[in-house]
Amino acid sequence: SLANKCPAVIINYNRAQCNCGNGRETMINSTLCYITRGDQVLMLHRIKKEQDENRDKWIGVGGKFEDKESPEDCVLREVKEETGLTLTDYQYRGIVTFVSDIYETEYMHLFTVTDWTGEARECDEGELAWIDRERLYGLTLWEGDRIFLRLLIEDRDFFSLKLRYEGEHLAEASAVQIDRGVIGDAVEVQKNDLVLIG
């Protein structure tokens, strides 16, 4: 990690920042949560904000860490803020490293949820909707989301997935499953759509 390599690392809210002579690096930490109800998943259609890197995409619920938050703290707060729901049964499923030529590096912590209290309310980030699992892949999704959604739906063990984007195009994907080593078919679900490098 950057913290292990550089003594000049400063942890600042949701970012780890390096101010050493090698330049300035920032890395965002965030959470993403998929709430399930039978064969449906609660999805957020990001259509309300014009200046939104997820504009017009369907994603799960989540957001960036605040100062001193753990992944669990962050997902509980973000889901409450965006949906009004209070999570009571949730599982930490994996971590996704996003590398991009236009956006900052991001570490996204993935969760799935099977129980909660409260009723979903209107979200100022977009429109919430319960989507049948069989319809998920027909939505407008980021290319990489299709990979980790498949891993989550297949109930894989905790995994680490690295996605490298060039613009909005997924150029490379690789995954490791913590208990079983390299996932040989991690990108098979999308291999016809990806240009794999290396």
Protein backbone atom coordinates (compact mmCIF):
# COMPACT_ATOMS: atom_id res chain seq x y z
CA SER A 1 0.00 0.00 0.00
CA LEU A 2 0.99 3.63 -0.37
CA ALA A 3 1.14 3.95 3.42
CA ASN A 4 3.75 1.18 3.57
CA LYS A 5 5.89 2.69 0.81
CA CYS A 6 5.84 6.36 1.65
CA PRO A 7 6.43 7.96 5.07
CA ALA A 8 4.80 11.18 3.88
CA VAL A 9 1.31 9.71 3.63
CA ILE A 10 -1.45 11.80 5.18
CA ILE A 11 -4.84 10.20 5.82
CA ASN A 12 -7.40 12.94 5.08
CA TYR A 13 -11.11 12.13 5.34
CA ASN A 14 -12.00 9.67 2.54
CA ARG A 15 -8.60 9.87 0.79
CA ALA A 16 -5.05 8.72 1.43
CA GLN A 17 -2.73 11.43 0.15
CA CYS A 18 0.97 11.32 -0.60
CA ASN A 19 2.86 14.62 -0.57
CA CYS A 20 6.36 13.27 -1.08
CA GLY A 21 8.79 14.42 -3.75
CA ASN A 22 7.49 11.79 -6.17
CA GLY A 23 4.29 13.77 -6.70
CA ARG A 24 0.84 13.85 -5.21
CA GLU A 25 -1.40 10.82 -5.26
CA THR A 26 -4.96 10.58 -3.99
CA MET A 27 -6.96 7.43 -3.49
CA ILE A 28 -10.68 7.43 -2.76
CA ASN A 29 -12.35 4.89 -0.46
CA SER A 30 -16.05 4.21 -1.01
CA THR A 31 -18.73 1.59 -0.43
CA LEU A 32 -21.32 0.05 -2.72
CA CYS A 33 -24.22 -2.02 -1.45
CA TYR A 34 -26.69 -4.34 -3.16
CA ILE A 35 -29.89 -4.84 -1.16
CA THR A 36 -31.80 -7.98 -2.14
CA ARG A 37 -35.47 -8.87 -1.71
CA GLY A 38 -36.16 -12.36 -2.97
CA ASP A 39 -35.08 -12.36 -6.63
CA GLN A 40 -34.93 -8.56 -6.81
CA VAL A 41 -32.12 -6.08 -6.20
CA LEU A 42 -32.54 -2.44 -5.18
CA MET A 43 -30.80 -0.35 -7.84
CA LEU A 44 -30.23 3.39 -8.18
CA HIS A 45 -30.64 5.05 -11.59
CA ARG A 46 -28.36 8.10 -11.51
CA ILE A 47 -30.36 10.62 -13.51
CA LYS A 48 -30.86 13.60 -11.17
CA LYS A 49 -27.47 15.34 -11.23
CA GLU A 50 -25.94 16.75 -14.40
CA GLN A 51 -22.37 16.73 -13.07
CA ASP A 52 -22.24 13.04 -12.11
CA GLU A 53 -19.61 10.58 -13.31
CA ASN A 54 -22.32 7.89 -12.97
CA ARG A 55 -24.85 9.91 -14.97
CA ASP A 56 -27.52 7.64 -16.61
CA LYS A 57 -25.93 4.49 -15.12
CA TRP A 58 -27.67 2.00 -12.82
CA ILE A 59 -25.61 1.27 -9.71
CA GLY A 60 -26.03 0.02 -6.15
CA VAL A 61 -26.32 2.31 -3.14
CA GLY A 62 -23.25 3.76 -1.45
CA GLY A 63 -20.75 6.57 -1.35
CA LYS A 64 -17.42 7.88 -0.09
CA PHE A 65 -15.94 7.39 3.35
CA GLU A 66 -16.06 10.18 5.88
CA ASP A 67 -13.24 10.80 8.35
CA LYS A 68 -12.59 7.90 10.77
CA GLU A 69 -15.21 5.63 9.18
CA SER A 70 -14.75 1.91 8.65
CA PRO A 71 -16.32 0.26 5.58
CA GLU A 72 -19.19 -0.89 7.79
CA ASP A 73 -19.71 2.61 9.24
CA CYS A 74 -19.76 4.07 5.74
CA VAL A 75 -22.22 1.62 4.20
CA LEU A 76 -24.65 1.94 7.13
CA ARG A 77 -24.59 5.74 6.91
CA GLU A 78 -24.78 5.95 3.12
CA VAL A 79 -27.69 3.51 2.84
CA LYS A 80 -29.60 5.38 5.55
CA GLU A 81 -28.96 8.73 3.85
CA GLU A 82 -29.83 7.58 0.33
CA THR A 83 -32.72 5.20 1.00
CA GLY A 84 -33.98 5.70 4.57
CA LEU A 85 -33.32 2.01 5.29
CA THR A 86 -31.46 0.75 8.36
CA LEU A 87 -29.38 -2.34 7.56
CA THR A 88 -29.69 -5.24 10.01
CA ASP A 89 -28.14 -8.15 8.05
CA TYR A 90 -25.28 -7.28 5.73
CA GLN A 91 -22.11 -8.98 4.51
CA TYR A 92 -18.76 -7.55 3.38
CA ARG A 93 -18.17 -9.36 0.07
CA GLY A 94 -15.15 -7.88 -1.66
CA ILE A 95 -13.06 -4.90 -2.66
CA VAL A 96 -12.76 -3.38 -6.13
CA THR A 97 -9.76 -1.30 -7.18
CA PHE A 98 -10.61 1.18 -9.94
CA VAL A 99 -7.70 2.55 -11.96
CA SER A 100 -8.47 5.19 -14.58
CA ASP A 101 -6.72 7.56 -16.95
CA ILE A 102 -9.23 10.33 -16.10
CA TYR A 103 -10.40 9.64 -12.54
CA GLU A 104 -8.55 9.17 -9.27
CA THR A 105 -7.81 5.63 -8.07
CA GLU A 106 -10.69 4.33 -5.99
CA TYR A 107 -11.04 1.43 -3.57
CA MET A 108 -14.69 0.37 -3.42
CA HIS A 109 -15.85 -1.95 -0.64
CA LEU A 110 -18.74 -4.19 -1.72
CA PHE A 111 -21.60 -5.32 0.50
CA THR A 112 -24.77 -7.36 0.06
CA VAL A 113 -27.81 -6.99 2.29
CA THR A 114 -30.64 -9.41 3.02
CA ASP A 115 -32.48 -7.68 5.88
CA TRP A 116 -33.26 -4.12 6.99
CA THR A 117 -35.87 -2.00 8.71
CA GLY A 118 -37.79 0.97 7.36
CA GLU A 119 -39.29 1.88 3.99
CA ALA A 120 -37.35 3.13 0.98
CA ARG A 121 -37.81 6.85 0.36
CA GLU A 122 -37.05 9.19 -2.54
CA CYS A 123 -33.32 9.61 -3.17
CA ASP A 124 -31.75 12.90 -4.29
CA GLU A 125 -29.01 10.97 -6.15
CA GLY A 126 -31.41 9.29 -8.58
CA GLU A 127 -34.42 6.98 -8.88
CA LEU A 128 -34.54 3.83 -6.72
CA ALA A 129 -36.16 0.71 -8.21
CA TRP A 130 -36.43 -2.98 -7.39
CA ILE A 131 -35.06 -4.87 -10.40
CA ASP A 132 -35.45 -8.58 -11.13
CA ARG A 133 -32.04 -10.29 -11.17
CA GLU A 134 -32.66 -11.60 -14.68
CA ARG A 135 -33.05 -8.00 -15.90
CA LEU A 136 -29.90 -6.59 -14.27
CA TYR A 137 -27.60 -7.20 -17.21
CA GLY A 138 -29.98 -5.41 -19.57
CA LEU A 139 -29.56 -2.16 -17.64
CA THR A 140 -27.08 0.58 -18.50
CA LEU A 141 -24.20 -0.53 -16.25
CA TRP A 142 -20.49 0.19 -16.09
CA GLU A 143 -18.68 -2.68 -17.82
CA GLY A 144 -16.81 -3.62 -14.66
CA ASP A 145 -20.02 -3.67 -12.60
CA ARG A 146 -21.21 -6.60 -14.72
CA ILE A 147 -18.20 -8.60 -13.52
CA PHE A 148 -18.56 -8.01 -9.79
CA LEU A 149 -22.34 -8.33 -9.94
CA ARG A 150 -21.87 -11.80 -11.41
CA LEU A 151 -19.39 -12.70 -8.66
CA LEU A 152 -21.84 -11.49 -6.00
CA ILE A 153 -24.82 -13.30 -7.54
CA GLU A 154 -22.76 -16.50 -7.81
CA ASP A 155 -22.07 -16.10 -4.06
CA ARG A 156 -18.29 -16.22 -4.46
CA ASP A 157 -16.07 -15.99 -1.40
CA PHE A 158 -14.51 -12.61 -0.52
CA PHE A 159 -12.65 -11.34 -3.60
CA SER A 160 -10.38 -8.55 -4.76
CA LEU A 161 -11.10 -7.26 -8.26
CA LYS A 162 -8.97 -4.75 -10.16
CA LEU A 163 -10.53 -2.83 -13.03
CA ARG A 164 -8.56 -0.53 -15.31
CA TYR A 165 -10.54 1.97 -17.36
CA GLU A 166 -9.52 4.05 -20.36
CA GLY A 167 -12.16 6.76 -20.39
CA GLU A 168 -15.42 4.87 -19.87
CA HIS A 169 -14.08 1.71 -21.52
CA LEU A 170 -12.93 -1.22 -19.39
CA ALA A 171 -9.48 -2.11 -20.72
CA GLU A 172 -8.42 -4.75 -18.20
CA ALA A 173 -9.86 -6.82 -15.37
CA SER A 174 -8.30 -9.28 -12.95
CA ALA A 175 -9.62 -10.89 -9.78
CA VAL A 176 -8.35 -12.90 -6.84
CA GLN A 177 -10.60 -14.87 -4.52
CA ILE A 178 -9.10 -14.78 -1.05
CA ASP A 179 -9.84 -18.37 -0.04
CA ARG A 180 -9.27 -20.02 -3.41
CA GLY A 181 -6.58 -18.02 -5.16
CA VAL A 182 -6.95 -16.63 -8.67
CA ILE A 183 -10.43 -16.78 -10.15
CA GLY A 184 -9.77 -18.25 -13.55
CA ASP A 185 -13.11 -17.24 -15.07
CA ALA A 186 -13.53 -13.83 -13.44
CA VAL A 187 -13.62 -12.04 -16.79
CA GLU A 188 -15.18 -14.86 -18.79
CA VAL A 189 -18.65 -13.36 -18.38
CA GLN A 190 -17.51 -10.31 -20.32
CA LYS A 191 -14.60 -11.58 -22.39
CA ASN A 192 -16.24 -10.66 -25.67
CA ASP A 193 -16.57 -7.05 -24.57
CA LEU A 194 -13.15 -6.56 -22.98
CA VAL A 195 -9.73 -5.88 -24.39
CA LEU A 196 -7.50 -7.73 -21.94
CA ILE A 197 -4.00 -6.30 -21.57
CA GLY A 198 -1.14 -8.47 -20.33
